[in-house]
Structure formats: structure tokens, C-alpha cells
Amino acid sequence: MCSSPCKKALVDTSILIYFVEQNIDLLELFLQDEICQLVITTHVLEELKYMATTAKGDKSRKARVALEVLREKISLHPALFALRYYPFNLPTDDLLVEVAASGRYIILTADKILKNKAAKRGIDVLFLRKSSKKLT
């Protein structure tokens, strides 16, 4: 597994879609910044399901593939993932910020708006720079 301190990362929908677009293995995230667990919220899963059924064309396909990849990786490596339900009626990005602020999580995203919201609250973010394809 990873060395101390262990970081748990809340995963945003944008990073899952990006990994599908670039055909990157989700498990590569564990090589980043001492991440030892990826936390997937039901909000993110619902967002992916919504995109898979209502989006048009390629966006729908990417969401379906992201859901399939998540199911596969979670079934093969259950200790590396945590599925969490939070009973808050908030948009997904706001939920991720609130949970990260209260639970010592970092946020993993490719969304600049979410990155900025989290930074304003003093939350650590691993942000995917699409130009360099690296997390910073």
C-alpha cells in the first residue's frame, strides 16, 4: 500500500471522464502523492449515471465506460476504494468541498471551478492539467 501519511482522495466526475478519454488506468492514481484510497460519493455515481442516460453521443459513452471501469476496479481492489453516501442535497462540487473540509480528504479533479472553490476553503486539491496530463 502507501507510506504514511495516507491520503484519501474524493474523486470528481471530471477526472473519471478524463481517464476514460485518455485510456489511463484508474489505479495509476495510487502512484500519486501518497493516495491510499479513492472515495467515490453517490453524488458522483448519480452524475455519471445521469450523463450515461441523458447526454448525447460521446459524452454518454464516456460516462458509461467510466461506470464500467469503476465497477471493475472496485470489484478487483475493494480495499482501495470507498463508496460513500452523504445525505446532503447539494450539487456534486459543493458536496465534495463540504466533505473534504470536514473529513481531511483531498479532492481529485480536472475541473478548474471545483479546484478554485476548494482552494478558497483551504482544501488540498490534486488537479489534472490537461495540457501536460499531470496531476499537480
N, C-alpha and C. Protein backbone atom coordinates (compact mmCIF):
# COMPACT_ATOMS: atom_id res chain seq x y z
N MET A 1 0.85 -1.17 0.00
CA MET A 1 0.00 0.00 0.00
C MET A 1 0.90 1.23 0.00
N CYS A 2 0.47 2.29 0.61
CA CYS A 2 1.26 3.52 0.56
C CYS A 2 1.88 3.81 1.92
N SER A 3 2.88 4.68 1.92
CA SER A 3 3.53 5.04 3.17
C SER A 3 2.73 6.13 3.86
N SER A 4 3.07 6.37 5.09
CA SER A 4 2.37 7.36 5.90
C SER A 4 2.80 8.76 5.47
N PRO A 5 1.99 9.79 5.50
CA PRO A 5 0.58 9.72 5.85
C PRO A 5 -0.28 9.32 4.65
N CYS A 6 -1.25 8.54 4.94
CA CYS A 6 -2.19 8.07 3.92
C CYS A 6 -3.15 9.20 3.58
N LYS A 7 -3.34 9.44 2.30
CA LYS A 7 -4.30 10.46 1.86
C LYS A 7 -5.47 9.78 1.18
N LYS A 8 -6.66 10.17 1.60
CA LYS A 8 -7.87 9.69 0.96
C LYS A 8 -8.34 10.79 0.02
N ALA A 9 -8.63 10.41 -1.21
CA ALA A 9 -8.99 11.39 -2.23
C ALA A 9 -10.44 11.24 -2.64
N LEU A 10 -11.19 12.33 -2.54
CA LEU A 10 -12.54 12.38 -3.08
C LEU A 10 -12.43 12.57 -4.58
N VAL A 11 -13.07 11.71 -5.33
CA VAL A 11 -12.93 11.71 -6.78
C VAL A 11 -14.09 12.45 -7.42
N ASP A 12 -13.76 13.41 -8.28
CA ASP A 12 -14.77 14.18 -9.02
C ASP A 12 -15.06 13.48 -10.35
N THR A 13 -16.24 13.70 -10.85
CA THR A 13 -16.67 13.12 -12.12
C THR A 13 -15.71 13.47 -13.25
N SER A 14 -15.21 14.69 -13.26
CA SER A 14 -14.37 15.16 -14.36
C SER A 14 -13.11 14.31 -14.54
N ILE A 15 -12.53 13.86 -13.43
CA ILE A 15 -11.30 13.06 -13.53
C ILE A 15 -11.60 11.68 -14.08
N LEU A 16 -12.75 11.13 -13.73
CA LEU A 16 -13.14 9.81 -14.23
C LEU A 16 -13.37 9.86 -15.74
N ILE A 17 -14.03 10.91 -16.20
CA ILE A 17 -14.27 11.08 -17.63
C ILE A 17 -12.94 11.27 -18.36
N TYR A 18 -12.04 12.07 -17.78
CA TYR A 18 -10.75 12.31 -18.42
C TYR A 18 -9.95 11.01 -18.54
N PHE A 19 -9.97 10.19 -17.50
CA PHE A 19 -9.23 8.92 -17.57
C PHE A 19 -9.78 8.02 -18.66
N VAL A 20 -11.08 8.06 -18.88
CA VAL A 20 -11.67 7.30 -19.99
C VAL A 20 -11.20 7.88 -21.32
N GLU A 21 -11.24 9.19 -21.45
CA GLU A 21 -10.82 9.85 -22.70
C GLU A 21 -9.39 9.49 -23.07
N GLN A 22 -8.53 9.43 -22.07
CA GLN A 22 -7.09 9.21 -22.30
C GLN A 22 -6.68 7.75 -22.14
N ASN A 23 -7.64 6.89 -21.83
CA ASN A 23 -7.36 5.46 -21.63
C ASN A 23 -6.28 5.24 -20.57
N ILE A 24 -6.44 5.93 -19.44
CA ILE A 24 -5.50 5.82 -18.32
C ILE A 24 -6.12 4.91 -17.28
N ASP A 25 -5.32 4.03 -16.71
CA ASP A 25 -5.80 3.12 -15.67
C ASP A 25 -6.02 3.89 -14.38
N LEU A 26 -7.19 3.75 -13.81
CA LEU A 26 -7.55 4.42 -12.57
C LEU A 26 -6.58 4.10 -11.44
N LEU A 27 -6.00 2.93 -11.47
CA LEU A 27 -5.07 2.54 -10.40
C LEU A 27 -3.78 3.36 -10.42
N GLU A 28 -3.50 4.04 -11.51
CA GLU A 28 -2.31 4.92 -11.57
C GLU A 28 -2.41 6.06 -10.56
N LEU A 29 -3.63 6.37 -10.12
CA LEU A 29 -3.79 7.43 -9.13
C LEU A 29 -3.10 7.09 -7.81
N PHE A 30 -2.96 5.81 -7.54
CA PHE A 30 -2.33 5.41 -6.29
C PHE A 30 -0.83 5.65 -6.29
N LEU A 31 -0.28 5.96 -7.44
CA LEU A 31 1.13 6.32 -7.53
C LEU A 31 1.34 7.80 -7.24
N GLN A 32 0.24 8.54 -7.12
CA GLN A 32 0.29 9.98 -6.94
C GLN A 32 0.22 10.36 -5.47
N ASP A 33 1.13 11.15 -5.02
CA ASP A 33 1.02 11.89 -3.77
C ASP A 33 0.51 11.08 -2.58
N GLU A 34 0.95 9.85 -2.44
CA GLU A 34 0.62 9.00 -1.31
C GLU A 34 -0.88 8.76 -1.12
N ILE A 35 -1.62 8.69 -2.21
CA ILE A 35 -3.04 8.37 -2.12
C ILE A 35 -3.17 6.88 -1.81
N CYS A 36 -3.96 6.56 -0.80
CA CYS A 36 -4.15 5.15 -0.44
C CYS A 36 -5.60 4.71 -0.59
N GLN A 37 -6.51 5.65 -0.82
CA GLN A 37 -7.89 5.26 -1.04
C GLN A 37 -8.60 6.33 -1.86
N LEU A 38 -9.37 5.85 -2.83
CA LEU A 38 -10.22 6.75 -3.63
C LEU A 38 -11.64 6.64 -3.09
N VAL A 39 -12.20 7.78 -2.76
CA VAL A 39 -13.55 7.83 -2.22
C VAL A 39 -14.48 8.32 -3.31
N ILE A 40 -15.45 7.47 -3.64
CA ILE A 40 -16.43 7.79 -4.67
C ILE A 40 -17.75 8.05 -3.96
N THR A 41 -18.29 9.23 -4.12
CA THR A 41 -19.57 9.54 -3.49
C THR A 41 -20.73 9.11 -4.38
N THR A 42 -21.86 8.87 -3.75
CA THR A 42 -23.05 8.53 -4.54
C THR A 42 -23.44 9.69 -5.45
N HIS A 43 -23.11 10.92 -5.06
CA HIS A 43 -23.38 12.07 -5.92
C HIS A 43 -22.64 11.93 -7.26
N VAL A 44 -21.38 11.52 -7.19
CA VAL A 44 -20.58 11.33 -8.41
C VAL A 44 -21.15 10.18 -9.23
N LEU A 45 -21.50 9.08 -8.58
CA LEU A 45 -22.09 7.96 -9.30
C LEU A 45 -23.40 8.37 -9.99
N GLU A 46 -24.24 9.11 -9.28
CA GLU A 46 -25.50 9.56 -9.87
C GLU A 46 -25.26 10.51 -11.04
N GLU A 47 -24.25 11.35 -10.92
CA GLU A 47 -23.91 12.27 -12.01
C GLU A 47 -23.47 11.48 -13.25
N LEU A 48 -22.65 10.45 -13.04
CA LEU A 48 -22.23 9.61 -14.16
C LEU A 48 -23.42 8.87 -14.78
N LYS A 49 -24.29 8.32 -13.94
CA LYS A 49 -25.47 7.61 -14.45
C LYS A 49 -26.36 8.56 -15.25
N TYR A 50 -26.53 9.77 -14.76
CA TYR A 50 -27.34 10.76 -15.46
C TYR A 50 -26.73 11.08 -16.83
N MET A 51 -25.42 11.30 -16.84
CA MET A 51 -24.73 11.58 -18.11
C MET A 51 -24.84 10.39 -19.06
N ALA A 52 -24.74 9.19 -18.53
CA ALA A 52 -24.80 7.99 -19.37
C ALA A 52 -26.15 7.83 -20.05
N THR A 53 -27.20 8.29 -19.39
CA THR A 53 -28.55 8.09 -19.94
C THR A 53 -29.11 9.30 -20.66
N THR A 54 -28.61 10.50 -20.36
CA THR A 54 -29.22 11.69 -20.97
C THR A 54 -28.30 12.46 -21.92
N ALA A 55 -27.00 12.31 -21.75
CA ALA A 55 -26.07 13.05 -22.63
C ALA A 55 -26.13 12.46 -24.04
N LYS A 56 -25.67 13.23 -24.98
CA LYS A 56 -25.65 12.80 -26.38
C LYS A 56 -24.28 12.28 -26.76
N GLY A 57 -24.28 11.27 -27.60
CA GLY A 57 -23.07 10.79 -28.26
C GLY A 57 -21.93 10.38 -27.36
N ASP A 58 -20.77 10.96 -27.63
CA ASP A 58 -19.52 10.56 -26.99
C ASP A 58 -19.54 10.78 -25.48
N LYS A 59 -20.19 11.85 -25.04
CA LYS A 59 -20.26 12.13 -23.59
C LYS A 59 -20.99 11.01 -22.86
N SER A 60 -22.06 10.53 -23.45
CA SER A 60 -22.82 9.42 -22.87
C SER A 60 -21.96 8.15 -22.83
N ARG A 61 -21.26 7.87 -23.91
CA ARG A 61 -20.41 6.69 -23.98
C ARG A 61 -19.31 6.75 -22.92
N LYS A 62 -18.68 7.91 -22.76
CA LYS A 62 -17.60 8.05 -21.77
C LYS A 62 -18.12 7.83 -20.36
N ALA A 63 -19.31 8.33 -20.07
CA ALA A 63 -19.89 8.13 -18.75
C ALA A 63 -20.19 6.65 -18.49
N ARG A 64 -20.71 5.97 -19.50
CA ARG A 64 -20.98 4.53 -19.36
C ARG A 64 -19.68 3.75 -19.13
N VAL A 65 -18.65 4.09 -19.89
CA VAL A 65 -17.36 3.41 -19.73
C VAL A 65 -16.79 3.71 -18.34
N ALA A 66 -16.88 4.95 -17.89
CA ALA A 66 -16.38 5.30 -16.55
C ALA A 66 -17.08 4.47 -15.47
N LEU A 67 -18.39 4.30 -15.60
CA LEU A 67 -19.13 3.47 -14.64
C LEU A 67 -18.65 2.02 -14.68
N GLU A 68 -18.45 1.50 -15.88
CA GLU A 68 -17.96 0.11 -16.03
C GLU A 68 -16.57 -0.05 -15.42
N VAL A 69 -15.70 0.90 -15.68
CA VAL A 69 -14.33 0.84 -15.14
C VAL A 69 -14.38 0.88 -13.61
N LEU A 70 -15.20 1.77 -13.06
CA LEU A 70 -15.32 1.84 -11.60
C LEU A 70 -15.80 0.52 -11.02
N ARG A 71 -16.84 -0.05 -11.61
CA ARG A 71 -17.35 -1.34 -11.11
C ARG A 71 -16.25 -2.40 -11.13
N GLU A 72 -15.51 -2.45 -12.23
CA GLU A 72 -14.45 -3.45 -12.37
C GLU A 72 -13.35 -3.24 -11.34
N LYS A 73 -12.87 -2.01 -11.22
CA LYS A 73 -11.75 -1.74 -10.30
C LYS A 73 -12.17 -1.96 -8.85
N ILE A 74 -13.38 -1.57 -8.50
CA ILE A 74 -13.85 -1.75 -7.13
C ILE A 74 -13.99 -3.24 -6.82
N SER A 75 -14.48 -4.02 -7.77
CA SER A 75 -14.63 -5.46 -7.51
C SER A 75 -13.27 -6.16 -7.41
N LEU A 76 -12.29 -5.69 -8.17
CA LEU A 76 -10.95 -6.31 -8.13
C LEU A 76 -10.10 -5.84 -6.95
N HIS A 77 -10.32 -4.59 -6.51
CA HIS A 77 -9.48 -3.98 -5.47
C HIS A 77 -10.35 -3.24 -4.45
N PRO A 78 -11.22 -3.95 -3.74
CA PRO A 78 -12.17 -3.26 -2.86
C PRO A 78 -11.53 -2.43 -1.75
N ALA A 79 -10.35 -2.80 -1.28
CA ALA A 79 -9.71 -2.05 -0.20
C ALA A 79 -9.22 -0.68 -0.66
N LEU A 80 -9.04 -0.51 -1.95
CA LEU A 80 -8.52 0.76 -2.48
C LEU A 80 -9.61 1.80 -2.71
N PHE A 81 -10.86 1.37 -2.64
CA PHE A 81 -11.98 2.26 -2.94
C PHE A 81 -12.96 2.29 -1.78
N ALA A 82 -13.62 3.42 -1.63
CA ALA A 82 -14.71 3.52 -0.66
C ALA A 82 -15.87 4.22 -1.36
N LEU A 83 -17.04 3.61 -1.28
CA LEU A 83 -18.25 4.24 -1.79
C LEU A 83 -18.95 4.87 -0.60
N ARG A 84 -19.29 6.14 -0.73
CA ARG A 84 -19.87 6.86 0.40
C ARG A 84 -21.15 7.58 -0.01
N TYR A 85 -22.12 7.49 0.88
CA TYR A 85 -23.37 8.24 0.73
C TYR A 85 -23.36 9.37 1.74
N TYR A 86 -23.63 10.58 1.27
CA TYR A 86 -23.74 11.74 2.15
C TYR A 86 -25.13 12.32 1.95
N PRO A 87 -25.91 12.45 3.01
CA PRO A 87 -27.31 12.86 2.88
C PRO A 87 -27.50 14.37 2.74
N PHE A 88 -26.71 14.97 1.87
CA PHE A 88 -26.82 16.40 1.66
C PHE A 88 -27.43 16.67 0.29
N ASN A 89 -28.34 17.59 0.25
CA ASN A 89 -28.97 17.97 -1.01
C ASN A 89 -28.18 19.13 -1.62
N LEU A 90 -27.01 18.81 -2.12
CA LEU A 90 -26.10 19.81 -2.68
C LEU A 90 -25.67 19.37 -4.07
N PRO A 91 -25.30 20.33 -4.92
CA PRO A 91 -24.66 19.94 -6.18
C PRO A 91 -23.36 19.18 -5.87
N THR A 92 -22.96 18.34 -6.79
CA THR A 92 -21.82 17.45 -6.56
C THR A 92 -20.56 18.21 -6.14
N ASP A 93 -20.21 19.27 -6.83
CA ASP A 93 -18.99 20.01 -6.48
C ASP A 93 -19.06 20.56 -5.06
N ASP A 94 -20.20 21.12 -4.69
CA ASP A 94 -20.36 21.68 -3.34
C ASP A 94 -20.27 20.58 -2.29
N LEU A 95 -20.84 19.42 -2.58
CA LEU A 95 -20.76 18.30 -1.66
C LEU A 95 -19.30 17.88 -1.45
N LEU A 96 -18.55 17.76 -2.54
CA LEU A 96 -17.15 17.36 -2.43
C LEU A 96 -16.36 18.34 -1.57
N VAL A 97 -16.61 19.62 -1.74
CA VAL A 97 -15.92 20.64 -0.94
C VAL A 97 -16.30 20.52 0.53
N GLU A 98 -17.58 20.36 0.82
CA GLU A 98 -18.03 20.24 2.21
C GLU A 98 -17.46 18.99 2.88
N VAL A 99 -17.50 17.88 2.18
CA VAL A 99 -16.99 16.63 2.75
C VAL A 99 -15.48 16.73 2.97
N ALA A 100 -14.77 17.27 1.99
CA ALA A 100 -13.32 17.42 2.12
C ALA A 100 -12.97 18.34 3.29
N ALA A 101 -13.73 19.40 3.47
CA ALA A 101 -13.46 20.35 4.54
C ALA A 101 -13.68 19.72 5.92
N SER A 102 -14.60 18.80 6.02
CA SER A 102 -14.92 18.22 7.32
C SER A 102 -14.23 16.88 7.59
N GLY A 103 -13.63 16.28 6.56
CA GLY A 103 -13.12 14.94 6.76
C GLY A 103 -11.68 14.69 6.41
N ARG A 104 -10.90 15.71 6.24
CA ARG A 104 -9.47 15.53 5.94
C ARG A 104 -9.22 14.75 4.65
N TYR A 105 -9.98 15.06 3.65
CA TYR A 105 -9.78 14.47 2.34
C TYR A 105 -9.13 15.49 1.42
N ILE A 106 -8.50 14.99 0.37
CA ILE A 106 -8.10 15.86 -0.72
C ILE A 106 -9.11 15.63 -1.84
N ILE A 107 -9.16 16.55 -2.77
CA ILE A 107 -10.07 16.41 -3.91
C ILE A 107 -9.24 16.17 -5.15
N LEU A 108 -9.69 15.24 -5.95
CA LEU A 108 -9.04 14.90 -7.20
C LEU A 108 -9.97 15.31 -8.34
N THR A 109 -9.54 16.28 -9.16
CA THR A 109 -10.44 16.83 -10.18
C THR A 109 -9.68 17.33 -11.40
N ALA A 110 -10.43 17.51 -12.47
CA ALA A 110 -9.93 18.17 -13.68
C ALA A 110 -10.76 19.43 -13.95
N ASP A 111 -11.56 19.83 -12.97
CA ASP A 111 -12.49 20.94 -13.08
C ASP A 111 -11.90 22.18 -12.38
N LYS A 112 -11.61 23.22 -13.17
CA LYS A 112 -10.99 24.44 -12.60
C LYS A 112 -11.89 25.13 -11.59
N ILE A 113 -13.19 25.12 -11.84
CA ILE A 113 -14.11 25.78 -10.91
C ILE A 113 -14.10 25.08 -9.56
N LEU A 114 -14.15 23.76 -9.57
CA LEU A 114 -14.09 23.00 -8.33
C LEU A 114 -12.74 23.22 -7.64
N LYS A 115 -11.68 23.23 -8.39
CA LYS A 115 -10.35 23.47 -7.82
C LYS A 115 -10.32 24.80 -7.08
N ASN A 116 -10.86 25.84 -7.69
CA ASN A 116 -10.86 27.17 -7.07
C ASN A 116 -11.75 27.22 -5.84
N LYS A 117 -12.93 26.58 -5.88
CA LYS A 117 -13.81 26.52 -4.70
C LYS A 117 -13.08 25.87 -3.53
N ALA A 118 -12.43 24.76 -3.81
CA ALA A 118 -11.72 24.04 -2.76
C ALA A 118 -10.56 24.86 -2.21
N ALA A 119 -9.82 25.50 -3.10
CA ALA A 119 -8.67 26.30 -2.67
C ALA A 119 -9.10 27.44 -1.74
N LYS A 120 -10.25 28.04 -2.02
CA LYS A 120 -10.76 29.12 -1.17
C LYS A 120 -11.06 28.64 0.24
N ARG A 121 -11.33 27.34 0.38
CA ARG A 121 -11.63 26.76 1.70
C ARG A 121 -10.39 26.13 2.33
N GLY A 122 -9.24 26.24 1.66
CA GLY A 122 -8.01 25.68 2.20
C GLY A 122 -7.88 24.17 2.05
N ILE A 123 -8.61 23.61 1.09
CA ILE A 123 -8.61 22.17 0.86
C ILE A 123 -7.54 21.83 -0.18
N ASP A 124 -6.78 20.78 0.10
CA ASP A 124 -5.78 20.31 -0.86
C ASP A 124 -6.47 19.69 -2.06
N VAL A 125 -5.95 20.01 -3.24
CA VAL A 125 -6.53 19.52 -4.48
C VAL A 125 -5.41 18.95 -5.34
N LEU A 126 -5.65 17.77 -5.89
CA LEU A 126 -4.80 17.27 -6.96
C LEU A 126 -5.56 17.58 -8.23
N PHE A 127 -5.01 18.47 -9.02
CA PHE A 127 -5.68 18.98 -10.21
C PHE A 127 -4.99 18.44 -11.46
N LEU A 128 -5.79 17.91 -12.35
CA LEU A 128 -5.24 17.39 -13.59
C LEU A 128 -5.07 18.51 -14.60
N ARG A 129 -3.84 18.77 -14.96
CA ARG A 129 -3.56 19.75 -16.01
C ARG A 129 -3.62 19.00 -17.33
N LYS A 130 -4.66 19.28 -18.09
CA LYS A 130 -4.88 18.55 -19.32
C LYS A 130 -3.77 18.79 -20.34
N SER A 131 -3.16 19.98 -20.30
CA SER A 131 -2.10 20.27 -21.27
C SER A 131 -0.88 19.37 -21.05
N SER A 132 -0.54 19.11 -19.78
CA SER A 132 0.62 18.28 -19.50
C SER A 132 0.23 16.84 -19.11
N LYS A 133 -1.07 16.61 -18.90
CA LYS A 133 -1.60 15.31 -18.49
C LYS A 133 -0.98 14.86 -17.16
N LYS A 134 -0.74 15.84 -16.27
CA LYS A 134 -0.16 15.53 -14.96
C LYS A 134 -1.02 16.12 -13.85
N LEU A 135 -1.01 15.43 -12.73
CA LEU A 135 -1.70 15.93 -11.54
C LEU A 135 -0.75 16.84 -10.78
N THR A 136 -1.26 17.99 -10.38
CA THR A 136 -0.43 18.92 -9.59
C THR A 136 -1.16 19.35 -8.35
